[in-house]
Each structure stands twice: as structure tokens, then as C-alpha cells.
């Protein structure tokens, strides 16, 4: 009888599922941030390379 009550209470408890959902949301946000930082990093590198090239070929250097 006690084991049945314990099992029924365990089945009704949803706090573990909520923690897993929050973990999955955090993981998806992290993947998005990493992807955005990677794309932005490449773009910034190209911009600075272009500026450096333009400065090197500017008159007076």
C-alpha cells in the first residue's frame, strides 16, 4: 500500500519534467548564440581586412 502511494505520487510529480524543459531551452539558446557569434565574427574579420587593405593602398602611405 505504501509503495503504491509512493509510485502514484512520483507519477504525478512534474517538477523533473519542468527542469528538463528548462535545460533544453537553455541548450537551444546557447546553440543560437554560438551560431550568431560565429557568423558575426567572420563578418567583422572581413570588414577589418577590407579597411586595412584600403588604408594600405591610400595615398600618402
N, C-alpha and C. Protein backbone atom coordinates (compact mmCIF):
# COMPACT_ATOMS: atom_id res chain seq x y z
N UNK A 1 0.82 -1.19 0.00
CA UNK A 1 0.00 0.00 0.00
C UNK A 1 0.87 1.26 0.00
N UNK A 2 1.89 1.27 0.84
CA UNK A 2 2.76 2.44 0.91
C UNK A 2 3.51 2.61 -0.42
N UNK A 3 3.94 1.50 -1.00
CA UNK A 3 4.67 1.56 -2.26
C UNK A 3 3.76 2.08 -3.39
N UNK A 4 2.50 1.71 -3.36
CA UNK A 4 1.55 2.18 -4.37
C UNK A 4 1.36 3.69 -4.26
N UNK A 5 1.22 4.19 -3.04
CA UNK A 5 1.08 5.64 -2.83
C UNK A 5 2.33 6.39 -3.28
N UNK A 6 3.48 5.84 -2.97
CA UNK A 6 4.74 6.47 -3.35
C UNK A 6 4.87 6.52 -4.88
N UNK A 7 4.52 5.43 -5.54
CA UNK A 7 4.60 5.38 -7.00
C UNK A 7 3.61 6.35 -7.64
N UNK A 8 2.40 6.44 -7.11
CA UNK A 8 1.39 7.36 -7.64
C UNK A 8 1.84 8.80 -7.47
N UNK A 9 2.43 9.12 -6.34
CA UNK A 9 2.92 10.48 -6.09
C UNK A 9 4.08 10.80 -7.04
N UNK A 10 4.92 9.83 -7.30
CA UNK A 10 6.05 10.02 -8.21
C UNK A 10 5.55 10.30 -9.63
N UNK A 11 4.52 9.59 -10.07
CA UNK A 11 3.97 9.78 -11.41
C UNK A 11 3.35 11.17 -11.56
N UNK A 12 2.70 11.68 -10.51
CA UNK A 12 2.05 12.99 -10.57
C UNK A 12 3.03 14.15 -10.48
N UNK A 13 4.22 13.91 -9.96
CA UNK A 13 5.21 14.98 -9.78
C UNK A 13 5.77 15.38 -11.14
N UNK A 14 5.61 16.64 -11.52
CA UNK A 14 6.08 17.13 -12.82
C UNK A 14 7.28 18.07 -12.70
N UNK A 15 7.87 18.21 -11.54
CA UNK A 15 8.99 19.15 -11.38
C UNK A 15 10.21 18.69 -12.16
N UNK A 16 10.42 17.41 -12.28
CA UNK A 16 11.55 16.90 -13.06
C UNK A 16 11.40 17.23 -14.54
N UNK A 17 10.18 17.09 -15.05
CA UNK A 17 9.92 17.41 -16.45
C UNK A 17 10.15 18.89 -16.72
N UNK A 18 9.77 19.73 -15.78
CA UNK A 18 9.98 21.17 -15.94
C UNK A 18 11.46 21.50 -16.00
N UNK A 19 12.26 20.87 -15.16
CA UNK A 19 13.70 21.11 -15.16
C UNK A 19 14.32 20.67 -16.48
N UNK A 20 13.86 19.56 -17.01
CA UNK A 20 14.38 19.09 -18.30
C UNK A 20 14.01 20.06 -19.41
N UNK A 21 12.78 20.57 -19.38
CA UNK A 21 12.36 21.54 -20.40
C UNK A 21 13.21 22.80 -20.33
N UNK A 22 13.46 23.30 -19.13
CA UNK A 22 14.31 24.48 -18.99
C UNK A 22 15.72 24.20 -19.50
N UNK A 23 16.22 23.02 -19.25
CA UNK A 23 17.55 22.64 -19.74
C UNK A 23 17.60 22.61 -21.26
N UNK A 24 16.56 22.08 -21.89
CA UNK A 24 16.51 22.05 -23.35
C UNK A 24 16.41 23.45 -23.94
N UNK A 25 15.63 24.32 -23.31
CA UNK A 25 15.52 25.69 -23.78
C UNK A 25 16.87 26.39 -23.67
N UNK A 26 17.56 26.21 -22.56
CA UNK A 26 18.88 26.83 -22.38
C UNK A 26 19.87 26.31 -23.42
N UNK A 27 19.81 25.02 -23.73
CA UNK A 27 20.71 24.44 -24.73
C UNK A 27 20.43 25.03 -26.11
N UNK A 28 19.17 25.19 -26.47
CA UNK A 28 18.83 25.77 -27.78
C UNK A 28 19.27 27.22 -27.87
N UNK A 29 19.09 27.98 -26.80
CA UNK A 29 19.55 29.37 -26.79
C UNK A 29 21.06 29.43 -26.94
N UNK A 30 21.77 28.54 -26.27
CA UNK A 30 23.23 28.50 -26.37
C UNK A 30 23.69 28.21 -27.79
N UNK A 31 23.03 27.27 -28.44
CA UNK A 31 23.39 26.94 -29.83
C UNK A 31 23.16 28.15 -30.73
N UNK A 32 22.06 28.87 -30.51
CA UNK A 32 21.77 30.06 -31.30
C UNK A 32 22.81 31.15 -31.10
N UNK A 33 23.22 31.35 -29.85
CA UNK A 33 24.25 32.37 -29.56
C UNK A 33 25.57 31.99 -30.21
N UNK A 34 25.95 30.74 -30.14
CA UNK A 34 27.21 30.29 -30.75
C UNK A 34 27.16 30.48 -32.26
N UNK A 35 26.05 30.13 -32.89
CA UNK A 35 25.92 30.29 -34.34
C UNK A 35 25.99 31.77 -34.73
N UNK A 36 25.32 32.63 -33.98
CA UNK A 36 25.34 34.06 -34.28
C UNK A 36 26.73 34.64 -34.09
N UNK A 37 27.42 34.25 -33.03
CA UNK A 37 28.76 34.76 -32.76
C UNK A 37 29.73 34.32 -33.85
N UNK A 38 29.58 33.10 -34.33
CA UNK A 38 30.45 32.61 -35.39
C UNK A 38 30.23 33.39 -36.68
N UNK A 39 28.98 33.60 -37.05
CA UNK A 39 28.67 34.35 -38.27
C UNK A 39 29.12 35.80 -38.14
N UNK A 40 28.89 36.40 -37.00
CA UNK A 40 29.27 37.79 -36.78
C UNK A 40 30.79 37.94 -36.76
N UNK A 41 31.48 36.98 -36.19
CA UNK A 41 32.93 37.02 -36.14
C UNK A 41 33.55 37.02 -37.53
N UNK A 42 33.05 36.20 -38.41
CA UNK A 42 33.55 36.16 -39.78
C UNK A 42 33.30 37.48 -40.50
N UNK A 43 32.14 38.05 -40.29
CA UNK A 43 31.79 39.32 -40.92
C UNK A 43 32.70 40.45 -40.44
N UNK A 44 32.94 40.49 -39.14
CA UNK A 44 33.82 41.54 -38.58
C UNK A 44 35.24 41.37 -39.09
N UNK A 45 35.72 40.14 -39.19
CA UNK A 45 37.07 39.89 -39.70
C UNK A 45 37.19 40.41 -41.12
N UNK A 46 36.20 40.12 -41.96
CA UNK A 46 36.23 40.58 -43.35
C UNK A 46 36.20 42.11 -43.42
N UNK A 47 35.42 42.74 -42.57
CA UNK A 47 35.35 44.21 -42.56
C UNK A 47 36.69 44.81 -42.20
N UNK A 48 37.34 44.32 -41.16
CA UNK A 48 38.64 44.86 -40.77
C UNK A 48 39.71 44.58 -41.82
N UNK A 49 39.63 43.44 -42.49
CA UNK A 49 40.57 43.14 -43.56
C UNK A 49 40.40 44.14 -44.70
N UNK A 50 39.16 44.44 -45.05
CA UNK A 50 38.90 45.41 -46.12
C UNK A 50 39.38 46.81 -45.74
N UNK A 51 39.17 47.21 -44.50
CA UNK A 51 39.61 48.53 -44.04
C UNK A 51 41.14 48.59 -44.06
N UNK A 52 41.79 47.54 -43.62
CA UNK A 52 43.25 47.50 -43.60
C UNK A 52 43.82 47.59 -45.02
N UNK A 53 43.22 46.86 -45.94
CA UNK A 53 43.66 46.90 -47.33
C UNK A 53 43.48 48.29 -47.92
N UNK A 54 42.35 48.92 -47.63
CA UNK A 54 42.09 50.27 -48.15
C UNK A 54 43.07 51.28 -47.57
N UNK A 55 43.42 51.15 -46.31
CA UNK A 55 44.36 52.06 -45.68
C UNK A 55 45.77 51.87 -46.24
N UNK A 56 46.14 50.62 -46.52
CA UNK A 56 47.47 50.35 -47.08
C UNK A 56 47.62 50.92 -48.47
N UNK A 57 46.55 50.95 -49.25
CA UNK A 57 46.64 51.45 -50.62
C UNK A 57 46.25 52.92 -50.73
N UNK A 58 45.98 53.59 -49.60
CA UNK A 58 45.61 55.01 -49.64
C UNK A 58 46.84 55.85 -49.97
N UNK A 59 46.64 56.99 -50.65
CA UNK A 59 47.77 57.86 -50.95
C UNK A 59 48.39 58.41 -49.67
N UNK A 60 49.68 58.57 -49.67
CA UNK A 60 50.39 59.10 -48.51
C UNK A 60 51.02 58.03 -47.64
N UNK A 61 50.83 56.77 -47.97
CA UNK A 61 51.47 55.70 -47.20
C UNK A 61 52.76 55.27 -47.82
